[in-house]
Amino acid sequence: HVQLQESGPRLVKPSQTLSLTCTVSGDSIVTDYYYYHWTWLRQPPGKGLEWIGHITYGGSTYTTPALKSRTSVSRDTSKTQFPLQLRSVTPEDTAVYYCAAARFSGAYDYWGQGTQVTVSS
């Protein structure tokens, strides 16, 4: 079983960088790590869920074209945290941000509880 927890500031000023961390834990993480894409998504108010990007167990990263120029997904050396950075934010980046573990098929097995981030001066 895998647990995911998002952390980071809940309020970011326009033009600054939004930085969130997803911490991964669980009794099966040592083996489960290799079965998932470690993924970031968000849901703006009144809109649907938006896929932001993911990092594979091999360290390759993929981001949605709409955010590619502003987004970085990485991981720490222990592979138990994978941070998200979104640069030059605007109020349109206000959303609930989620991290999740996605199977290679695209199905999501595990989710963090989500964290509300508001971009406002």
N, C-alpha and C. Protein backbone atom coordinates (compact mmCIF):
# COMPACT_ATOMS: atom_id res chain seq x y z
N HIS A 1 0.85 -1.19 0.00
CA HIS A 1 0.00 0.00 0.00
C HIS A 1 0.89 1.24 0.00
N VAL A 2 0.44 2.29 -0.69
CA VAL A 2 1.22 3.53 -0.85
C VAL A 2 0.40 4.71 -0.34
N GLN A 3 1.06 5.59 0.37
CA GLN A 3 0.42 6.84 0.78
C GLN A 3 1.15 8.01 0.15
N LEU A 4 0.39 9.02 -0.22
CA LEU A 4 0.95 10.23 -0.82
C LEU A 4 0.44 11.44 -0.06
N GLN A 5 1.32 12.42 0.12
CA GLN A 5 0.95 13.62 0.86
C GLN A 5 1.58 14.83 0.21
N GLU A 6 0.72 15.78 -0.19
CA GLU A 6 1.23 17.03 -0.76
C GLU A 6 1.56 18.02 0.36
N SER A 7 2.57 18.84 0.14
CA SER A 7 2.91 19.89 1.10
C SER A 7 3.49 21.08 0.36
N GLY A 8 3.33 22.25 0.99
CA GLY A 8 3.85 23.47 0.39
C GLY A 8 2.97 24.65 0.72
N PRO A 9 3.38 25.84 0.31
CA PRO A 9 2.62 27.06 0.61
C PRO A 9 1.24 27.02 -0.03
N ARG A 10 0.27 27.58 0.64
CA ARG A 10 -1.09 27.63 0.13
C ARG A 10 -1.39 28.95 -0.57
N LEU A 11 -0.54 29.93 -0.39
CA LEU A 11 -0.74 31.24 -1.02
C LEU A 11 0.55 31.65 -1.71
N VAL A 12 0.44 31.97 -2.98
CA VAL A 12 1.59 32.39 -3.78
C VAL A 12 1.23 33.69 -4.49
N LYS A 13 2.18 34.59 -4.57
CA LYS A 13 1.92 35.86 -5.25
C LYS A 13 2.13 35.70 -6.76
N PRO A 14 1.39 36.47 -7.53
CA PRO A 14 1.60 36.43 -8.99
C PRO A 14 3.05 36.70 -9.36
N SER A 15 3.49 36.01 -10.38
CA SER A 15 4.85 36.06 -10.96
C SER A 15 5.86 35.24 -10.16
N GLN A 16 5.49 34.77 -8.98
CA GLN A 16 6.40 33.95 -8.20
C GLN A 16 6.33 32.49 -8.62
N THR A 17 7.10 31.64 -7.94
CA THR A 17 7.14 30.21 -8.25
C THR A 17 6.36 29.43 -7.21
N LEU A 18 5.45 28.60 -7.70
CA LEU A 18 4.71 27.68 -6.85
C LEU A 18 5.56 26.42 -6.67
N SER A 19 5.83 26.07 -5.42
CA SER A 19 6.66 24.89 -5.15
C SER A 19 5.89 23.96 -4.21
N LEU A 20 5.62 22.77 -4.66
CA LEU A 20 4.95 21.74 -3.87
C LEU A 20 5.81 20.49 -3.84
N THR A 21 5.66 19.72 -2.77
CA THR A 21 6.36 18.45 -2.65
C THR A 21 5.35 17.35 -2.38
N CYS A 22 5.52 16.23 -3.04
CA CYS A 22 4.72 15.04 -2.74
C CYS A 22 5.63 14.04 -2.04
N THR A 23 5.24 13.64 -0.85
CA THR A 23 5.99 12.66 -0.09
C THR A 23 5.30 11.31 -0.20
N VAL A 24 6.07 10.32 -0.60
CA VAL A 24 5.56 8.97 -0.83
C VAL A 24 5.99 8.07 0.31
N SER A 25 5.07 7.28 0.83
CA SER A 25 5.41 6.34 1.90
C SER A 25 4.55 5.10 1.77
N GLY A 26 4.88 4.10 2.58
CA GLY A 26 4.09 2.89 2.56
C GLY A 26 4.95 1.66 2.69
N ASP A 27 4.34 0.59 3.12
CA ASP A 27 5.12 -0.61 3.38
C ASP A 27 5.56 -1.32 2.11
N SER A 28 5.00 -0.94 0.97
CA SER A 28 5.38 -1.61 -0.28
C SER A 28 6.10 -0.67 -1.23
N ILE A 29 6.53 0.48 -0.73
CA ILE A 29 7.06 1.50 -1.63
C ILE A 29 8.33 1.05 -2.32
N VAL A 30 9.12 0.21 -1.67
CA VAL A 30 10.38 -0.22 -2.27
C VAL A 30 10.14 -0.95 -3.59
N THR A 31 9.11 -1.77 -3.65
CA THR A 31 8.81 -2.49 -4.88
C THR A 31 7.81 -1.74 -5.74
N ASP A 32 6.82 -1.10 -5.13
CA ASP A 32 5.78 -0.41 -5.89
C ASP A 32 6.31 0.77 -6.68
N TYR A 33 7.42 1.33 -6.25
CA TYR A 33 7.95 2.52 -6.91
C TYR A 33 8.10 2.31 -8.41
N TYR A 34 8.47 1.10 -8.81
CA TYR A 34 8.79 0.83 -10.22
C TYR A 34 7.56 0.59 -11.08
N TYR A 35 6.37 0.56 -10.48
CA TYR A 35 5.16 0.24 -11.22
C TYR A 35 4.33 1.48 -11.58
N TYR A 36 4.81 2.65 -11.21
CA TYR A 36 3.98 3.82 -11.38
C TYR A 36 4.73 4.99 -12.04
N HIS A 37 3.92 5.84 -12.65
CA HIS A 37 4.37 7.18 -13.00
C HIS A 37 3.93 8.07 -11.84
N TRP A 38 4.84 8.85 -11.32
CA TRP A 38 4.54 9.69 -10.16
C TRP A 38 4.10 11.04 -10.69
N THR A 39 2.84 11.35 -10.44
CA THR A 39 2.09 12.31 -11.26
C THR A 39 1.58 13.50 -10.44
N TRP A 40 1.54 14.65 -11.10
CA TRP A 40 0.89 15.84 -10.55
C TRP A 40 -0.31 16.21 -11.42
N LEU A 41 -1.41 16.55 -10.76
CA LEU A 41 -2.62 17.03 -11.42
C LEU A 41 -3.15 18.21 -10.63
N ARG A 42 -4.09 18.93 -11.23
CA ARG A 42 -4.73 20.03 -10.51
C ARG A 42 -6.16 20.20 -10.97
N GLN A 43 -6.96 20.83 -10.14
CA GLN A 43 -8.34 21.11 -10.48
C GLN A 43 -8.66 22.56 -10.11
N PRO A 44 -8.71 23.44 -11.11
CA PRO A 44 -9.08 24.82 -10.85
C PRO A 44 -10.53 24.90 -10.40
N PRO A 45 -10.92 25.96 -9.73
CA PRO A 45 -12.30 26.08 -9.26
C PRO A 45 -13.28 26.06 -10.43
N GLY A 46 -14.28 25.20 -10.33
CA GLY A 46 -15.31 25.12 -11.35
C GLY A 46 -14.91 24.41 -12.62
N LYS A 47 -13.72 23.80 -12.63
CA LYS A 47 -13.23 23.13 -13.84
C LYS A 47 -12.88 21.68 -13.53
N GLY A 48 -12.55 20.95 -14.57
CA GLY A 48 -12.20 19.55 -14.42
C GLY A 48 -10.76 19.36 -14.02
N LEU A 49 -10.42 18.09 -13.81
CA LEU A 49 -9.07 17.73 -13.41
C LEU A 49 -8.12 17.89 -14.59
N GLU A 50 -6.96 18.47 -14.34
CA GLU A 50 -5.98 18.72 -15.39
C GLU A 50 -4.68 18.00 -15.04
N TRP A 51 -4.19 17.21 -15.98
CA TRP A 51 -2.91 16.52 -15.80
C TRP A 51 -1.78 17.52 -16.03
N ILE A 52 -0.85 17.60 -15.10
CA ILE A 52 0.26 18.53 -15.20
C ILE A 52 1.50 17.83 -15.76
N GLY A 53 1.87 16.71 -15.17
CA GLY A 53 3.05 16.00 -15.62
C GLY A 53 3.40 14.87 -14.68
N HIS A 54 4.40 14.08 -15.07
CA HIS A 54 4.84 13.00 -14.20
C HIS A 54 6.32 12.73 -14.38
N ILE A 55 6.84 11.96 -13.44
CA ILE A 55 8.20 11.47 -13.52
C ILE A 55 8.16 9.96 -13.40
N THR A 56 8.92 9.29 -14.25
CA THR A 56 8.92 7.82 -14.24
C THR A 56 9.94 7.31 -13.24
N TYR A 57 9.90 6.00 -13.02
CA TYR A 57 10.86 5.43 -12.08
C TYR A 57 12.29 5.59 -12.59
N GLY A 58 12.42 5.72 -13.91
CA GLY A 58 13.75 5.91 -14.48
C GLY A 58 14.22 7.35 -14.44
N GLY A 59 13.34 8.26 -14.03
CA GLY A 59 13.72 9.66 -13.92
C GLY A 59 13.33 10.52 -15.11
N SER A 60 12.66 9.94 -16.11
CA SER A 60 12.21 10.75 -17.24
C SER A 60 10.98 11.55 -16.83
N THR A 61 10.89 12.76 -17.34
CA THR A 61 9.76 13.62 -16.99
C THR A 61 8.97 14.02 -18.23
N TYR A 62 7.67 14.17 -18.04
CA TYR A 62 6.77 14.57 -19.11
C TYR A 62 5.80 15.59 -18.53
N THR A 63 5.56 16.67 -19.27
CA THR A 63 4.63 17.69 -18.80
C THR A 63 3.67 18.05 -19.93
N THR A 64 2.51 18.54 -19.53
CA THR A 64 1.53 18.95 -20.52
C THR A 64 2.07 20.14 -21.32
N PRO A 65 1.86 20.16 -22.63
CA PRO A 65 2.40 21.26 -23.45
C PRO A 65 1.98 22.64 -22.97
N ALA A 66 0.77 22.73 -22.44
CA ALA A 66 0.26 24.04 -22.02
C ALA A 66 1.08 24.64 -20.88
N LEU A 67 1.74 23.80 -20.10
CA LEU A 67 2.50 24.28 -18.96
C LEU A 67 3.99 23.98 -19.06
N LYS A 68 4.40 23.37 -20.14
CA LYS A 68 5.76 22.83 -20.24
C LYS A 68 6.84 23.88 -19.98
N SER A 69 6.63 25.08 -20.49
CA SER A 69 7.67 26.10 -20.37
C SER A 69 7.82 26.62 -18.94
N ARG A 70 6.83 26.34 -18.09
CA ARG A 70 6.84 26.88 -16.72
C ARG A 70 6.97 25.80 -15.66
N THR A 71 7.01 24.53 -16.06
CA THR A 71 6.85 23.43 -15.09
C THR A 71 8.10 22.57 -15.00
N SER A 72 8.40 22.17 -13.78
CA SER A 72 9.44 21.17 -13.53
C SER A 72 8.91 20.15 -12.55
N VAL A 73 9.07 18.87 -12.90
CA VAL A 73 8.79 17.78 -11.97
C VAL A 73 10.10 17.04 -11.75
N SER A 74 10.44 16.79 -10.50
CA SER A 74 11.71 16.14 -10.21
C SER A 74 11.51 15.13 -9.08
N ARG A 75 12.61 14.58 -8.59
CA ARG A 75 12.53 13.69 -7.44
C ARG A 75 13.82 13.82 -6.65
N ASP A 76 13.74 13.47 -5.38
CA ASP A 76 14.95 13.51 -4.58
C ASP A 76 15.68 12.19 -4.71
N THR A 77 16.88 12.13 -4.16
CA THR A 77 17.72 10.94 -4.36
C THR A 77 17.16 9.72 -3.66
N SER A 78 16.38 9.94 -2.60
CA SER A 78 15.78 8.79 -1.92
C SER A 78 14.56 8.26 -2.65
N LYS A 79 14.09 9.03 -3.65
CA LYS A 79 12.90 8.66 -4.44
C LYS A 79 11.63 8.60 -3.59
N THR A 80 11.65 9.25 -2.44
CA THR A 80 10.44 9.29 -1.62
C THR A 80 9.73 10.63 -1.70
N GLN A 81 10.32 11.57 -2.43
CA GLN A 81 9.67 12.86 -2.63
C GLN A 81 9.81 13.25 -4.09
N PHE A 82 8.73 13.81 -4.65
CA PHE A 82 8.86 14.36 -6.00
C PHE A 82 8.21 15.73 -6.05
N PRO A 83 9.07 16.73 -6.13
CA PRO A 83 8.61 18.11 -6.11
C PRO A 83 8.04 18.57 -7.45
N LEU A 84 7.18 19.56 -7.36
CA LEU A 84 6.63 20.26 -8.51
C LEU A 84 6.98 21.73 -8.38
N GLN A 85 7.46 22.31 -9.47
CA GLN A 85 7.65 23.76 -9.51
C GLN A 85 6.90 24.31 -10.71
N LEU A 86 6.14 25.35 -10.46
CA LEU A 86 5.41 26.05 -11.52
C LEU A 86 5.80 27.52 -11.43
N ARG A 87 6.47 27.99 -12.45
CA ARG A 87 7.04 29.34 -12.42
C ARG A 87 6.09 30.39 -12.97
N SER A 88 6.34 31.62 -12.62
CA SER A 88 5.59 32.77 -13.17
C SER A 88 4.08 32.55 -13.08
N VAL A 89 3.61 32.25 -11.90
CA VAL A 89 2.19 31.92 -11.73
C VAL A 89 1.31 33.15 -11.89
N THR A 90 0.08 32.89 -12.28
CA THR A 90 -0.97 33.90 -12.39
C THR A 90 -2.17 33.39 -11.60
N PRO A 91 -3.18 34.23 -11.40
CA PRO A 91 -4.38 33.75 -10.69
C PRO A 91 -5.03 32.54 -11.37
N GLU A 92 -4.80 32.35 -12.67
CA GLU A 92 -5.35 31.17 -13.36
C GLU A 92 -4.71 29.87 -12.89
N ASP A 93 -3.63 29.95 -12.16
CA ASP A 93 -2.99 28.74 -11.60
C ASP A 93 -3.58 28.37 -10.24
N THR A 94 -4.53 29.14 -9.76
CA THR A 94 -5.22 28.78 -8.52
C THR A 94 -5.98 27.48 -8.72
N ALA A 95 -5.75 26.51 -7.84
CA ALA A 95 -6.35 25.18 -8.01
C ALA A 95 -6.08 24.34 -6.78
N VAL A 96 -6.76 23.21 -6.71
CA VAL A 96 -6.36 22.16 -5.79
C VAL A 96 -5.36 21.29 -6.53
N TYR A 97 -4.19 21.12 -5.96
CA TYR A 97 -3.13 20.35 -6.58
C TYR A 97 -3.05 18.97 -5.92
N TYR A 98 -2.97 17.95 -6.77
CA TYR A 98 -2.91 16.57 -6.29
C TYR A 98 -1.65 15.88 -6.81
N CYS A 99 -1.10 14.99 -6.00
CA CYS A 99 -0.13 14.04 -6.53
C CYS A 99 -0.78 12.66 -6.51
N ALA A 100 -0.34 11.83 -7.43
CA ALA A 100 -0.97 10.52 -7.59
C ALA A 100 0.03 9.53 -8.16
N ALA A 101 -0.28 8.27 -7.95
CA ALA A 101 0.50 7.18 -8.54
C ALA A 101 -0.31 6.58 -9.67
N ALA A 102 0.19 6.69 -10.88
CA ALA A 102 -0.53 6.24 -12.07
C ALA A 102 0.13 5.01 -12.65
N ARG A 103 -0.68 4.00 -12.92
CA ARG A 103 -0.17 2.83 -13.62
C ARG A 103 0.24 3.22 -15.04
N PHE A 104 1.03 2.40 -15.67
CA PHE A 104 1.44 2.67 -17.04
C PHE A 104 0.23 2.72 -17.98
N SER A 105 -0.85 2.05 -17.60
CA SER A 105 -2.08 2.05 -18.40
C SER A 105 -2.84 3.37 -18.28
N GLY A 106 -2.46 4.18 -17.27
CA GLY A 106 -3.15 5.44 -17.06
C GLY A 106 -4.09 5.44 -15.88
N ALA A 107 -4.40 4.29 -15.33
CA ALA A 107 -5.29 4.23 -14.17
C ALA A 107 -4.54 4.72 -12.92
N TYR A 108 -5.26 5.39 -12.07
CA TYR A 108 -4.66 5.91 -10.85
C TYR A 108 -4.99 5.00 -9.68
N ASP A 109 -3.95 4.53 -9.01
CA ASP A 109 -4.17 3.65 -7.86
C ASP A 109 -4.19 4.41 -6.54
N TYR A 110 -3.37 5.42 -6.43
CA TYR A 110 -3.26 6.14 -5.17
C TYR A 110 -3.25 7.64 -5.42
N TRP A 111 -3.86 8.35 -4.47
CA TRP A 111 -3.95 9.81 -4.54
C TRP A 111 -3.55 10.43 -3.21
N GLY A 112 -2.96 11.62 -3.29
CA GLY A 112 -2.85 12.44 -2.11
C GLY A 112 -4.19 13.11 -1.84
N GLN A 113 -4.31 13.74 -0.69
CA GLN A 113 -5.59 14.36 -0.33
C GLN A 113 -5.82 15.67 -1.07
N GLY A 114 -4.78 16.20 -1.69
CA GLY A 114 -4.91 17.47 -2.41
C GLY A 114 -4.61 18.65 -1.51
N THR A 115 -4.07 19.70 -2.11
CA THR A 115 -3.78 20.92 -1.36
C THR A 115 -4.23 22.12 -2.17
N GLN A 116 -4.99 22.99 -1.55
CA GLN A 116 -5.47 24.20 -2.22
C GLN A 116 -4.34 25.22 -2.30
N VAL A 117 -4.06 25.70 -3.50
CA VAL A 117 -3.08 26.76 -3.69
C VAL A 117 -3.78 27.94 -4.36
N THR A 118 -3.66 29.09 -3.76
CA THR A 118 -4.26 30.31 -4.28
C THR A 118 -3.17 31.27 -4.72
N VAL A 119 -3.32 31.79 -5.94
CA VAL A 119 -2.38 32.79 -6.45
C VAL A 119 -3.06 34.15 -6.34
N SER A 120 -2.54 34.98 -5.48
CA SER A 120 -3.16 36.27 -5.24
C SER A 120 -2.14 37.21 -4.60
N SER A 121 -2.27 38.47 -4.93
CA SER A 121 -1.40 39.46 -4.30
C SER A 121 -1.99 39.94 -2.97
